[in-house]
């Protein structure tokens, strides 16, 4: 099936005054009783990404393709798409990605990459930039004796892109350090340490 024309989904200027909350973007661990204080505003955050949603027509087309690829009677059976073919058919238009990139850069972020499938923008920046752009505060939360960080409330995005932004990832994380304890039992031919 040929690539569909990807619609222009951002028709108004991306302003920051009118905003829409992304419900459920605050993790369950981010409760007042776990709050261990606000993160330093200069802390650098990397590997964040904005996940861009497909249109209803694209989603229906994708589900039909997945079914056809699994159907031995279909001409599309086991015919897989390259990332570029996927982007042309199911990704977001380049003009829309350019507008999102411009909005991120206006907030001081560095856009590190755009996925080949044209549905994710990876960016980095400081806690202060994240808080200003997404209308939240980032706090540490102590859970099971370890410090995690997360938004203190659901994030928000400009109304002009509310139907486009599915979610923003990596605004909450557990610590990178993994503590190991001594093995409690031997397993034949291998030695394992159980992670907490």
N, C-alpha and C. Protein backbone atom coordinates (compact mmCIF):
# COMPACT_ATOMS: atom_id res chain seq x y z
N UNK A 1 0.85 -1.18 0.00
CA UNK A 1 0.00 0.00 0.00
C UNK A 1 0.89 1.24 0.00
N UNK A 2 0.63 2.23 -0.82
CA UNK A 2 1.48 3.41 -0.89
C UNK A 2 1.38 4.26 0.37
N UNK A 3 2.40 5.09 0.56
CA UNK A 3 2.41 6.01 1.70
C UNK A 3 1.27 7.00 1.57
N UNK A 4 0.61 7.26 2.70
CA UNK A 4 -0.45 8.26 2.71
C UNK A 4 0.18 9.64 2.87
N UNK A 5 -0.57 10.64 2.46
CA UNK A 5 -0.10 12.00 2.73
C UNK A 5 -0.26 12.26 4.22
N UNK A 6 0.83 12.62 4.87
CA UNK A 6 0.78 12.86 6.30
C UNK A 6 0.27 14.28 6.55
N UNK A 7 -0.79 14.41 7.33
CA UNK A 7 -1.43 15.72 7.48
C UNK A 7 -0.62 16.71 8.30
N UNK A 8 -0.86 17.97 8.05
CA UNK A 8 -0.30 19.07 8.85
C UNK A 8 -1.15 19.14 10.11
N UNK A 9 -0.60 18.72 11.22
CA UNK A 9 -1.38 18.59 12.45
C UNK A 9 -1.16 19.73 13.43
N UNK A 10 -0.26 20.65 13.12
CA UNK A 10 -0.05 21.82 13.98
C UNK A 10 -0.39 23.03 13.13
N UNK A 11 -1.62 23.50 13.26
CA UNK A 11 -2.09 24.58 12.39
C UNK A 11 -2.02 25.95 13.05
N UNK A 12 -1.79 25.98 14.37
CA UNK A 12 -1.68 27.25 15.09
C UNK A 12 -0.27 27.39 15.64
N UNK A 13 0.10 28.60 16.00
CA UNK A 13 1.41 28.83 16.62
C UNK A 13 1.47 28.07 17.94
N UNK A 14 2.65 27.52 18.25
CA UNK A 14 2.81 26.78 19.50
C UNK A 14 3.14 27.78 20.61
N UNK A 15 2.11 28.23 21.30
CA UNK A 15 2.30 29.16 22.41
C UNK A 15 2.31 28.40 23.72
N UNK A 16 2.75 29.06 24.78
CA UNK A 16 2.85 28.38 26.07
C UNK A 16 1.79 28.80 27.08
N UNK A 17 0.90 29.71 26.70
CA UNK A 17 -0.09 30.19 27.68
C UNK A 17 -1.28 29.23 27.81
N UNK A 18 -1.79 28.72 26.69
CA UNK A 18 -2.90 27.76 26.75
C UNK A 18 -2.32 26.36 26.70
N UNK A 19 -2.61 25.57 27.75
CA UNK A 19 -1.96 24.27 27.88
C UNK A 19 -2.98 23.17 28.15
N UNK A 20 -2.57 21.94 27.86
CA UNK A 20 -3.38 20.76 28.14
C UNK A 20 -2.55 19.80 28.99
N UNK A 21 -3.17 19.27 30.02
CA UNK A 21 -2.48 18.32 30.90
C UNK A 21 -2.48 16.93 30.28
N UNK A 22 -1.34 16.25 30.37
CA UNK A 22 -1.26 14.85 29.94
C UNK A 22 -1.56 14.00 31.17
N UNK A 23 -2.80 13.53 31.24
CA UNK A 23 -3.25 12.77 32.41
C UNK A 23 -2.42 11.51 32.58
N UNK A 24 -2.06 11.21 33.83
CA UNK A 24 -1.33 9.98 34.13
C UNK A 24 0.17 10.08 33.91
N UNK A 25 0.69 11.27 33.64
CA UNK A 25 2.13 11.40 33.39
C UNK A 25 2.94 11.51 34.69
N UNK A 26 2.27 11.70 35.81
CA UNK A 26 2.95 11.66 37.10
C UNK A 26 2.94 10.22 37.60
N UNK A 27 4.11 9.62 37.84
CA UNK A 27 4.15 8.21 38.26
C UNK A 27 3.51 8.01 39.64
N UNK A 28 2.99 6.81 39.91
CA UNK A 28 2.35 6.53 41.20
C UNK A 28 3.27 6.74 42.40
N UNK A 29 4.58 6.55 42.23
CA UNK A 29 5.51 6.70 43.36
C UNK A 29 5.63 8.15 43.82
N UNK A 30 5.25 9.10 42.95
CA UNK A 30 5.43 10.53 43.25
C UNK A 30 4.31 11.02 44.16
N UNK A 31 4.33 10.51 45.40
CA UNK A 31 3.32 10.88 46.39
C UNK A 31 3.96 11.79 47.44
N UNK A 32 3.18 12.67 48.06
CA UNK A 32 3.74 13.59 49.05
C UNK A 32 4.54 12.90 50.15
N UNK A 33 4.08 11.73 50.60
CA UNK A 33 4.79 11.05 51.69
C UNK A 33 6.16 10.52 51.27
N UNK A 34 6.40 10.40 49.95
CA UNK A 34 7.71 9.95 49.46
C UNK A 34 8.63 11.10 49.05
N UNK A 35 8.10 12.33 49.07
CA UNK A 35 8.84 13.49 48.54
C UNK A 35 10.09 13.75 49.36
N UNK A 36 11.25 13.79 48.67
CA UNK A 36 12.54 14.05 49.33
C UNK A 36 13.14 15.36 48.85
N UNK A 37 12.33 16.23 48.25
CA UNK A 37 12.82 17.55 47.86
C UNK A 37 12.96 17.73 46.37
N UNK A 38 13.01 18.99 46.00
CA UNK A 38 13.09 19.35 44.59
C UNK A 38 14.50 19.11 44.04
N UNK A 39 14.58 18.73 42.78
CA UNK A 39 15.88 18.55 42.12
C UNK A 39 16.53 19.90 41.88
N UNK A 40 17.86 19.92 41.85
CA UNK A 40 18.59 21.14 41.51
C UNK A 40 18.27 21.52 40.08
N UNK A 41 17.95 22.80 39.86
CA UNK A 41 17.47 23.23 38.54
C UNK A 41 18.52 23.08 37.45
N UNK A 42 19.79 23.07 37.82
CA UNK A 42 20.85 22.95 36.81
C UNK A 42 21.19 21.53 36.42
N UNK A 43 20.55 20.55 37.05
CA UNK A 43 20.84 19.15 36.73
C UNK A 43 20.51 18.87 35.27
N UNK A 44 21.45 18.25 34.57
CA UNK A 44 21.28 17.94 33.16
C UNK A 44 20.54 16.62 33.00
N UNK A 45 19.53 16.59 32.15
CA UNK A 45 18.76 15.38 31.86
C UNK A 45 18.94 15.03 30.39
N UNK A 46 19.32 13.79 30.13
CA UNK A 46 19.53 13.34 28.76
C UNK A 46 18.64 12.16 28.45
N UNK A 47 18.42 11.93 27.16
CA UNK A 47 17.63 10.78 26.74
C UNK A 47 16.14 10.95 26.92
N UNK A 48 15.68 12.18 27.08
CA UNK A 48 14.24 12.44 27.15
C UNK A 48 13.68 12.37 25.74
N UNK A 49 12.42 12.04 25.61
CA UNK A 49 11.84 12.04 24.26
C UNK A 49 10.36 12.39 24.29
N UNK A 50 9.96 13.07 23.23
CA UNK A 50 8.54 13.32 22.99
C UNK A 50 8.08 12.25 22.02
N UNK A 51 7.07 11.48 22.43
CA UNK A 51 6.50 10.45 21.57
C UNK A 51 5.29 11.06 20.87
N UNK A 52 5.30 11.01 19.54
CA UNK A 52 4.25 11.64 18.74
C UNK A 52 3.23 10.59 18.31
N UNK A 53 1.97 10.93 18.43
CA UNK A 53 0.90 9.97 18.14
C UNK A 53 0.58 9.91 16.65
N UNK A 54 0.02 8.78 16.25
CA UNK A 54 -0.48 8.62 14.89
C UNK A 54 -1.89 9.18 14.81
N UNK A 55 -2.33 9.54 13.61
CA UNK A 55 -3.73 9.92 13.42
C UNK A 55 -4.58 8.66 13.52
N UNK A 56 -5.89 8.83 13.67
CA UNK A 56 -6.79 7.68 13.73
C UNK A 56 -6.70 6.86 12.45
N UNK A 57 -6.58 7.54 11.31
CA UNK A 57 -6.47 6.83 10.03
C UNK A 57 -5.16 6.04 9.96
N UNK A 58 -4.07 6.63 10.43
CA UNK A 58 -2.79 5.92 10.43
C UNK A 58 -2.85 4.70 11.35
N UNK A 59 -3.46 4.87 12.52
CA UNK A 59 -3.55 3.76 13.47
C UNK A 59 -4.38 2.62 12.89
N UNK A 60 -5.50 2.94 12.24
CA UNK A 60 -6.33 1.90 11.61
C UNK A 60 -5.55 1.20 10.51
N UNK A 61 -4.81 1.97 9.71
CA UNK A 61 -4.00 1.40 8.63
C UNK A 61 -2.92 0.49 9.20
N UNK A 62 -2.28 0.91 10.30
CA UNK A 62 -1.23 0.11 10.92
C UNK A 62 -1.79 -1.21 11.44
N UNK A 63 -2.94 -1.16 12.10
CA UNK A 63 -3.53 -2.40 12.62
C UNK A 63 -3.92 -3.35 11.48
N UNK A 64 -4.41 -2.78 10.38
CA UNK A 64 -4.75 -3.61 9.21
C UNK A 64 -3.48 -4.24 8.62
N UNK A 65 -2.40 -3.47 8.56
CA UNK A 65 -1.14 -3.99 8.04
C UNK A 65 -0.60 -5.11 8.91
N UNK A 66 -0.63 -4.92 10.22
CA UNK A 66 -0.14 -5.96 11.14
C UNK A 66 -0.93 -7.25 10.95
N UNK A 67 -2.25 -7.13 10.83
CA UNK A 67 -3.08 -8.32 10.61
C UNK A 67 -2.73 -8.98 9.28
N UNK A 68 -2.54 -8.18 8.23
CA UNK A 68 -2.21 -8.72 6.90
C UNK A 68 -0.85 -9.40 6.90
N UNK A 69 0.11 -8.84 7.64
CA UNK A 69 1.45 -9.43 7.69
C UNK A 69 1.45 -10.79 8.38
N UNK A 70 0.42 -11.07 9.17
CA UNK A 70 0.32 -12.35 9.87
C UNK A 70 -0.63 -13.33 9.16
N UNK A 71 -1.24 -12.90 8.09
CA UNK A 71 -2.24 -13.71 7.37
C UNK A 71 -1.59 -14.37 6.15
N UNK A 72 -1.42 -15.70 6.16
CA UNK A 72 -0.75 -16.38 5.04
C UNK A 72 -1.43 -16.18 3.69
N UNK A 73 -2.71 -15.80 3.68
CA UNK A 73 -3.42 -15.60 2.41
C UNK A 73 -3.27 -14.17 1.87
N UNK A 74 -2.64 -13.30 2.65
CA UNK A 74 -2.51 -11.89 2.25
C UNK A 74 -1.26 -11.66 1.41
N UNK A 75 -1.34 -10.77 0.41
CA UNK A 75 -0.14 -10.40 -0.36
C UNK A 75 0.92 -9.72 0.52
N UNK A 76 0.51 -9.21 1.68
CA UNK A 76 1.46 -8.55 2.60
C UNK A 76 2.05 -9.50 3.63
N UNK A 77 1.74 -10.80 3.51
CA UNK A 77 2.22 -11.78 4.49
C UNK A 77 3.74 -11.75 4.58
N UNK A 78 4.23 -11.51 5.79
CA UNK A 78 5.67 -11.48 6.09
C UNK A 78 6.45 -10.49 5.23
N UNK A 79 5.79 -9.45 4.76
CA UNK A 79 6.48 -8.37 4.03
C UNK A 79 6.64 -7.21 5.01
N UNK A 80 7.84 -7.06 5.50
CA UNK A 80 8.11 -6.08 6.55
C UNK A 80 8.53 -4.75 5.95
N UNK A 81 8.26 -3.69 6.69
CA UNK A 81 8.62 -2.34 6.25
C UNK A 81 9.99 -1.95 6.80
N UNK A 82 10.73 -1.18 6.02
CA UNK A 82 11.95 -0.56 6.54
C UNK A 82 11.51 0.61 7.44
N UNK A 83 12.41 1.11 8.29
CA UNK A 83 12.04 2.28 9.10
C UNK A 83 11.58 3.46 8.24
N UNK A 84 12.20 3.64 7.09
CA UNK A 84 11.82 4.75 6.21
C UNK A 84 10.43 4.53 5.61
N UNK A 85 10.12 3.30 5.24
CA UNK A 85 8.77 3.00 4.73
C UNK A 85 7.73 3.19 5.83
N UNK A 86 8.09 2.76 7.05
CA UNK A 86 7.19 2.95 8.19
C UNK A 86 6.95 4.44 8.42
N UNK A 87 8.02 5.23 8.38
CA UNK A 87 7.90 6.68 8.60
C UNK A 87 7.01 7.33 7.55
N UNK A 88 7.19 6.93 6.29
CA UNK A 88 6.41 7.54 5.21
C UNK A 88 4.92 7.23 5.35
N UNK A 89 4.62 6.10 5.94
CA UNK A 89 3.23 5.67 6.04
C UNK A 89 2.58 6.01 7.39
N UNK A 90 3.36 5.89 8.45
CA UNK A 90 2.77 6.01 9.79
C UNK A 90 3.41 7.11 10.65
N UNK A 91 4.44 7.76 10.15
CA UNK A 91 5.13 8.78 10.93
C UNK A 91 4.47 10.14 10.82
N UNK A 92 5.07 11.10 11.50
CA UNK A 92 4.59 12.48 11.50
C UNK A 92 5.30 13.24 10.38
N UNK A 93 4.60 14.15 9.75
CA UNK A 93 5.16 14.93 8.64
C UNK A 93 6.39 15.72 9.09
N UNK A 94 7.36 15.85 8.18
CA UNK A 94 8.60 16.57 8.50
C UNK A 94 8.33 18.00 8.96
N UNK A 95 7.35 18.66 8.35
CA UNK A 95 7.04 20.04 8.73
C UNK A 95 6.56 20.13 10.18
N UNK A 96 5.82 19.12 10.62
CA UNK A 96 5.33 19.09 12.00
C UNK A 96 6.49 18.84 12.96
N UNK A 97 7.36 17.90 12.60
CA UNK A 97 8.53 17.63 13.43
C UNK A 97 9.39 18.88 13.55
N UNK A 98 9.54 19.62 12.46
CA UNK A 98 10.33 20.85 12.49
C UNK A 98 9.73 21.86 13.47
N UNK A 99 8.41 21.95 13.52
CA UNK A 99 7.76 22.87 14.47
C UNK A 99 7.99 22.43 15.91
N UNK A 100 7.90 21.13 16.16
CA UNK A 100 8.15 20.62 17.50
C UNK A 100 9.61 20.85 17.90
N UNK A 101 10.52 20.63 16.96
CA UNK A 101 11.94 20.85 17.22
C UNK A 101 12.20 22.31 17.55
N UNK A 102 11.58 23.20 16.81
CA UNK A 102 11.73 24.64 17.05
C UNK A 102 11.21 25.02 18.44
N UNK A 103 10.09 24.43 18.85
CA UNK A 103 9.53 24.71 20.18
C UNK A 103 10.49 24.24 21.26
N UNK A 104 11.05 23.04 21.11
CA UNK A 104 12.02 22.54 22.09
C UNK A 104 13.24 23.45 22.17
N UNK A 105 13.76 23.83 21.02
CA UNK A 105 14.96 24.68 21.00
C UNK A 105 14.67 26.06 21.59
N UNK A 106 13.45 26.56 21.41
CA UNK A 106 13.05 27.84 22.01
C UNK A 106 13.14 27.77 23.53
N UNK A 107 12.90 26.59 24.08
CA UNK A 107 12.99 26.39 25.53
C UNK A 107 14.41 26.03 25.98
N UNK A 108 15.37 26.08 25.05
CA UNK A 108 16.77 25.85 25.41
C UNK A 108 17.23 24.42 25.33
N UNK A 109 16.36 23.50 24.91
CA UNK A 109 16.76 22.10 24.79
C UNK A 109 17.66 21.89 23.58
N UNK A 110 18.45 20.83 23.64
CA UNK A 110 19.21 20.35 22.49
C UNK A 110 18.45 19.17 21.92
N UNK A 111 18.11 19.22 20.64
CA UNK A 111 17.47 18.07 19.99
C UNK A 111 18.59 17.14 19.54
N UNK A 112 18.66 15.97 20.15
CA UNK A 112 19.75 15.03 19.90
C UNK A 112 19.52 14.18 18.67
N UNK A 113 18.28 13.78 18.44
CA UNK A 113 17.98 12.98 17.25
C UNK A 113 16.47 12.88 17.05
N UNK A 114 16.12 12.43 15.85
CA UNK A 114 14.73 12.15 15.50
C UNK A 114 14.69 10.71 15.02
N UNK A 115 13.77 9.94 15.54
CA UNK A 115 13.72 8.53 15.19
C UNK A 115 13.48 8.35 13.69
N UNK A 116 14.03 7.28 13.15
CA UNK A 116 13.85 7.00 11.72
C UNK A 116 12.39 6.77 11.37
N UNK A 117 11.60 6.36 12.36
CA UNK A 117 10.17 6.12 12.12
C UNK A 117 9.35 7.41 12.22
N UNK A 118 10.01 8.53 12.50
CA UNK A 118 9.36 9.86 12.55
C UNK A 118 8.21 9.92 13.55
N UNK A 119 8.44 9.31 14.71
CA UNK A 119 7.41 9.39 15.75
C UNK A 119 8.00 9.67 17.14
N UNK A 120 9.28 10.06 17.18
CA UNK A 120 9.91 10.34 18.46
C UNK A 120 11.02 11.37 18.27
N UNK A 121 11.04 12.37 19.16
CA UNK A 121 12.10 13.39 19.15
C UNK A 121 12.86 13.25 20.46
N UNK A 122 14.16 12.96 20.37
CA UNK A 122 14.99 12.76 21.56
C UNK A 122 15.71 14.08 21.85
N UNK A 123 15.66 14.50 23.11
CA UNK A 123 16.23 15.80 23.47
C UNK A 123 16.87 15.76 24.85
N UNK A 124 17.70 16.76 25.13
CA UNK A 124 18.33 16.88 26.44
C UNK A 124 18.26 18.32 26.90
N UNK A 125 18.34 18.51 28.20
CA UNK A 125 18.29 19.85 28.77
C UNK A 125 18.35 19.78 30.28
N UNK A 126 18.18 20.91 30.92
CA UNK A 126 18.26 20.98 32.38
C UNK A 126 16.89 20.77 33.01
N UNK A 127 16.92 20.50 34.31
CA UNK A 127 15.68 20.40 35.07
C UNK A 127 14.86 21.68 34.93
N UNK A 128 15.53 22.82 35.00
CA UNK A 128 14.83 24.11 34.87
C UNK A 128 14.10 24.21 33.54
N UNK A 129 14.74 23.77 32.46
CA UNK A 129 14.11 23.82 31.13
C UNK A 129 12.92 22.87 31.05
N UNK A 130 13.07 21.68 31.63
CA UNK A 130 11.97 20.71 31.64
C UNK A 130 10.78 21.28 32.41
N UNK A 131 11.04 21.85 33.57
CA UNK A 131 9.96 22.39 34.38
C UNK A 131 9.21 23.51 33.67
N UNK A 132 9.96 24.40 33.01
CA UNK A 132 9.33 25.52 32.30
C UNK A 132 8.54 25.04 31.09
N UNK A 133 9.10 24.10 30.34
CA UNK A 133 8.45 23.65 29.10
C UNK A 133 7.22 22.79 29.36
N UNK A 134 7.27 21.98 30.44
CA UNK A 134 6.21 21.00 30.66
C UNK A 134 5.36 21.28 31.90
N UNK A 135 5.50 22.49 32.47
CA UNK A 135 4.59 22.95 33.52
C UNK A 135 4.54 22.08 34.75
N UNK A 136 5.69 21.65 35.24
CA UNK A 136 5.72 20.81 36.43
C UNK A 136 6.96 21.14 37.24
N UNK A 137 7.18 20.43 38.33
CA UNK A 137 8.43 20.47 39.07
C UNK A 137 8.95 19.04 39.15
N UNK A 138 10.27 18.88 39.10
CA UNK A 138 10.88 17.56 39.26
C UNK A 138 11.40 17.45 40.68
N UNK A 139 10.96 16.41 41.37
CA UNK A 139 11.36 16.16 42.76
C UNK A 139 12.00 14.79 42.87
N UNK A 140 12.78 14.63 43.95
CA UNK A 140 13.25 13.30 44.33
C UNK A 140 12.18 12.66 45.20
N UNK A 141 12.05 11.34 45.07
CA UNK A 141 11.12 10.58 45.88
C UNK A 141 11.86 9.37 46.44
N UNK A 142 11.75 9.18 47.75
CA UNK A 142 12.43 8.05 48.38
C UNK A 142 11.46 6.88 48.44
N UNK A 143 11.83 5.81 47.72
CA UNK A 143 10.99 4.62 47.64
C UNK A 143 11.87 3.41 47.95
N UNK A 144 11.49 2.63 48.94
CA UNK A 144 12.27 1.47 49.37
C UNK A 144 13.72 1.84 49.64
N UNK A 145 13.92 3.00 50.25
CA UNK A 145 15.26 3.42 50.64
C UNK A 145 16.12 3.99 49.52
N UNK A 146 15.58 4.11 48.32
CA UNK A 146 16.35 4.64 47.20
C UNK A 146 15.67 5.89 46.64
N UNK A 147 16.50 6.82 46.14
CA UNK A 147 15.99 8.07 45.59
C UNK A 147 15.71 7.92 44.10
N UNK A 148 14.50 8.21 43.72
CA UNK A 148 14.08 8.26 42.32
C UNK A 148 13.73 9.72 42.04
N UNK A 149 13.57 10.08 40.77
CA UNK A 149 13.02 11.42 40.51
C UNK A 149 11.86 11.32 39.56
N UNK A 150 10.97 12.30 39.66
CA UNK A 150 9.74 12.26 38.86
C UNK A 150 9.06 13.63 38.92
N UNK A 151 8.14 13.88 37.98
CA UNK A 151 7.34 15.11 38.05
C UNK A 151 6.46 15.09 39.31
N UNK A 152 6.33 16.24 39.94
CA UNK A 152 5.50 16.34 41.15
C UNK A 152 4.02 16.45 40.81
N UNK A 153 3.71 16.68 39.56
CA UNK A 153 2.32 16.71 39.07
C UNK A 153 2.35 16.35 37.58
N UNK A 154 1.19 16.02 37.04
CA UNK A 154 1.11 15.69 35.62
C UNK A 154 1.71 16.82 34.79
N UNK A 155 2.41 16.45 33.73
CA UNK A 155 3.00 17.46 32.85
C UNK A 155 1.92 18.03 31.93
N UNK A 156 2.24 19.16 31.32
CA UNK A 156 1.32 19.76 30.36
C UNK A 156 2.08 20.19 29.12
N UNK A 157 1.35 20.32 28.02
CA UNK A 157 1.93 20.76 26.74
C UNK A 157 1.02 21.83 26.15
N UNK A 158 1.54 22.63 25.22
CA UNK A 158 0.69 23.63 24.58
C UNK A 158 -0.51 23.00 23.87
N UNK A 159 -1.64 23.68 23.93
CA UNK A 159 -2.87 23.20 23.29
C UNK A 159 -2.64 22.90 21.81
N UNK A 160 -1.82 23.70 21.14
CA UNK A 160 -1.60 23.53 19.70
C UNK A 160 -1.03 22.17 19.34
N UNK A 161 -0.37 21.48 20.31
CA UNK A 161 0.23 20.17 20.01
C UNK A 161 -0.39 19.06 20.87
N UNK A 162 -1.48 19.36 21.55
CA UNK A 162 -2.05 18.39 22.49
C UNK A 162 -2.52 17.10 21.82
N UNK A 163 -2.99 17.17 20.58
CA UNK A 163 -3.43 15.95 19.89
C UNK A 163 -2.26 15.20 19.26
N UNK A 164 -1.11 15.83 19.23
CA UNK A 164 0.08 15.26 18.61
C UNK A 164 0.99 14.57 19.62
N UNK A 165 1.13 15.14 20.81
CA UNK A 165 2.04 14.60 21.82
C UNK A 165 1.34 13.48 22.58
N UNK A 166 1.86 12.27 22.42
CA UNK A 166 1.30 11.12 23.14
C UNK A 166 1.81 11.10 24.57
N UNK A 167 3.13 11.28 24.73
CA UNK A 167 3.73 11.33 26.06
C UNK A 167 5.13 11.91 25.96
N UNK A 168 5.72 12.16 27.11
CA UNK A 168 7.12 12.58 27.20
C UNK A 168 7.80 11.57 28.11
N UNK A 169 8.87 10.93 27.62
CA UNK A 169 9.50 9.85 28.39
C UNK A 169 10.76 10.32 29.11
N UNK A 170 11.15 9.52 30.09
CA UNK A 170 12.38 9.70 30.87
C UNK A 170 12.39 10.93 31.76
N UNK A 171 11.22 11.42 32.13
CA UNK A 171 11.16 12.50 33.11
C UNK A 171 11.07 11.93 34.52
N UNK A 172 11.11 10.62 34.65
CA UNK A 172 11.21 9.96 35.95
C UNK A 172 12.12 8.76 35.77
N UNK A 173 12.96 8.56 36.77
CA UNK A 173 13.92 7.46 36.67
C UNK A 173 14.29 6.93 38.04
N UNK A 174 14.55 5.63 38.10
CA UNK A 174 15.19 5.08 39.30
C UNK A 174 16.68 5.38 39.23
N UNK A 175 17.42 5.16 40.30
CA UNK A 175 18.85 5.39 40.24
C UNK A 175 19.53 4.43 39.28
N UNK A 176 20.65 4.87 38.71
CA UNK A 176 21.40 4.03 37.78
C UNK A 176 22.12 2.92 38.53
N UNK A 177 22.59 3.22 39.75
CA UNK A 177 23.36 2.25 40.52
C UNK A 177 22.48 1.06 40.91
N UNK A 178 22.97 -0.15 40.65
CA UNK A 178 22.28 -1.37 41.06
C UNK A 178 23.11 -2.01 42.16
N UNK A 179 22.52 -2.19 43.31
CA UNK A 179 23.25 -2.81 44.42
C UNK A 179 23.10 -4.32 44.33
N UNK A 180 24.20 -5.01 44.61
CA UNK A 180 24.18 -6.47 44.58
C UNK A 180 24.37 -6.99 45.99
N UNK A 181 23.79 -8.16 46.26
CA UNK A 181 24.04 -8.81 47.54
C UNK A 181 24.64 -10.17 47.26
N UNK A 182 25.13 -10.80 48.29
CA UNK A 182 25.78 -12.11 48.13
C UNK A 182 24.75 -13.14 47.67
N UNK A 183 25.17 -14.11 46.83
CA UNK A 183 24.23 -15.14 46.39
C UNK A 183 23.73 -15.94 47.58
N UNK A 184 22.46 -16.31 47.52
CA UNK A 184 21.88 -17.08 48.62
C UNK A 184 21.90 -18.57 48.35
N UNK A 185 22.09 -18.95 47.09
CA UNK A 185 22.18 -20.38 46.78
C UNK A 185 22.99 -20.57 45.52
N UNK A 186 23.58 -21.73 45.40
CA UNK A 186 24.38 -22.06 44.23
C UNK A 186 23.48 -22.63 43.14
N UNK A 187 23.74 -22.25 41.91
CA UNK A 187 23.05 -22.83 40.76
C UNK A 187 24.11 -23.56 39.95
N UNK A 188 23.90 -24.81 39.59
CA UNK A 188 24.93 -25.58 38.90
C UNK A 188 25.49 -24.85 37.69
N UNK A 189 26.81 -24.87 37.57
CA UNK A 189 27.61 -24.36 36.45
C UNK A 189 27.53 -22.85 36.26
N UNK A 190 26.90 -22.13 37.17
CA UNK A 190 26.94 -20.67 37.09
C UNK A 190 26.76 -20.08 38.48
N UNK A 191 27.29 -18.89 38.67
CA UNK A 191 27.16 -18.19 39.93
C UNK A 191 26.44 -16.88 39.65
N UNK A 192 25.35 -16.65 40.35
CA UNK A 192 24.56 -15.44 40.15
C UNK A 192 24.50 -14.64 41.43
N UNK A 193 24.40 -13.35 41.26
CA UNK A 193 24.11 -12.49 42.40
C UNK A 193 22.75 -11.87 42.16
N UNK A 194 21.91 -11.96 43.11
CA UNK A 194 20.56 -11.43 42.96
C UNK A 194 20.56 -9.94 43.20
N UNK A 195 19.95 -9.22 42.27
CA UNK A 195 19.84 -7.77 42.43
C UNK A 195 18.65 -7.44 43.30
N UNK A 196 18.79 -6.43 44.13
CA UNK A 196 17.66 -5.99 44.96
C UNK A 196 16.65 -5.25 44.14
